[in-house]
Amino acid sequence: MRIALLALLGLAFGALGGAAPGISAGLAWIGILKTSNFEGDSGALVFFTFMPLGAVIGGIGGALLFAVLAIRDAGIAIEHERLARRDR
């Protein structure tokens, strides 16, 4: 259950983290290729194409990263056996 919750958390953080580079890539695209700005075409391109693509890629990457980290942590023994105390 903890692995699934961490994967969902990674999905949310990854989507937020991936949308910003998507916007940046879209702005670079319209700047380099001189996309038409007639009736907001360039803005629509950025916010309806590049931002969702960045969010999807970031969300999948974040979910996979958090899930892998949670699975690795589950395999590591968290509790250590107590060593017997020596009374001196």
Protein backbone atom coordinates (compact mmCIF):
# COMPACT_ATOMS: atom_id res chain seq x y z
CA MET A 1 0.00 0.00 0.00
CA ARG A 2 2.87 2.33 0.84
CA ILE A 3 4.44 1.70 -2.57
CA ALA A 4 1.21 2.66 -4.36
CA LEU A 5 0.82 5.83 -2.31
CA LEU A 6 4.40 6.86 -2.98
CA ALA A 7 3.89 6.17 -6.69
CA LEU A 8 0.83 8.45 -6.68
CA LEU A 9 2.82 11.12 -4.87
CA GLY A 10 5.58 10.76 -7.47
CA LEU A 11 2.97 11.06 -10.21
CA ALA A 12 1.70 14.36 -8.78
CA PHE A 13 5.16 15.82 -8.20
CA GLY A 14 6.39 14.60 -11.56
CA ALA A 15 3.42 16.13 -13.39
CA LEU A 16 4.03 19.49 -11.74
CA GLY A 17 7.75 19.24 -12.35
CA GLY A 18 7.29 18.16 -15.97
CA ALA A 19 4.81 20.90 -16.93
CA ALA A 20 7.33 23.70 -16.36
CA PRO A 21 9.98 22.28 -18.75
CA GLY A 22 7.16 21.58 -21.20
CA ILE A 23 6.21 25.25 -21.18
CA SER A 24 9.85 26.22 -21.59
CA ALA A 25 10.26 23.84 -24.53
CA GLY A 26 7.11 25.24 -26.12
CA LEU A 27 8.30 28.81 -25.74
CA ALA A 28 11.64 27.84 -27.26
CA TRP A 29 9.79 26.12 -30.14
CA ILE A 30 7.73 29.19 -31.01
CA GLY A 31 10.78 31.43 -30.68
CA ILE A 32 13.03 29.34 -32.90
CA LEU A 33 10.48 28.35 -35.56
CA LYS A 34 8.63 31.73 -35.54
CA THR A 35 5.20 30.17 -35.05
CA SER A 36 2.27 32.39 -36.06
CA ASN A 37 0.61 34.31 -33.25
CA PHE A 38 -2.60 34.89 -35.19
CA GLU A 39 -5.52 34.63 -32.71
CA GLY A 40 -3.25 33.09 -30.08
CA ASP A 41 -2.01 30.14 -32.10
CA SER A 42 1.38 30.09 -30.42
CA GLY A 43 -0.11 30.22 -26.91
CA ALA A 44 -2.51 27.41 -27.74
CA LEU A 45 0.38 25.36 -29.10
CA VAL A 46 2.35 25.79 -25.88
CA PHE A 47 -0.46 25.23 -23.39
CA PHE A 48 -2.36 22.50 -25.23
CA THR A 49 0.57 20.52 -26.65
CA PHE A 50 3.87 21.09 -24.90
CA MET A 51 2.64 21.55 -21.33
CA PRO A 52 0.52 18.35 -21.29
CA LEU A 53 3.32 16.35 -22.92
CA GLY A 54 5.77 17.58 -20.30
CA ALA A 55 3.30 16.80 -17.52
CA VAL A 56 2.71 13.26 -18.80
CA ILE A 57 6.40 12.50 -19.23
CA GLY A 58 7.24 14.02 -15.84
CA GLY A 59 4.36 12.20 -14.13
CA ILE A 60 5.37 8.82 -15.47
CA GLY A 61 9.01 9.44 -14.60
CA GLY A 62 8.16 10.64 -11.08
CA ALA A 63 5.84 7.71 -10.42
CA LEU A 64 8.47 5.22 -11.59
CA LEU A 65 11.20 6.90 -9.56
CA PHE A 66 9.17 6.99 -6.33
CA ALA A 67 7.95 3.39 -6.85
CA VAL A 68 11.49 2.10 -7.40
CA LEU A 69 12.70 3.93 -4.30
CA ALA A 70 9.80 2.53 -2.26
CA ILE A 71 10.43 -1.02 -3.50
CA ARG A 72 14.13 -0.77 -2.67
CA ASP A 73 13.32 0.58 0.79
CA ALA A 74 10.88 -2.29 1.41
CA GLY A 75 13.67 -4.78 0.76
CA ILE A 76 15.96 -3.20 3.33
CA ALA A 77 15.53 -4.35 6.89
CA ILE A 78 14.30 -1.38 8.87
CA GLU A 79 14.46 -2.87 12.32
CA HIS A 80 17.72 -4.25 13.57
CA GLU A 81 18.00 -6.94 16.16
CA ARG A 82 18.90 -5.62 19.54
CA LEU A 83 22.27 -6.59 20.76
CA ALA A 84 22.38 -8.24 24.15
CA ARG A 85 23.54 -5.80 26.80
CA ARG A 86 26.44 -6.80 28.90
CA ASP A 87 26.15 -5.81 32.52
CA ARG A 88 29.53 -4.92 33.92
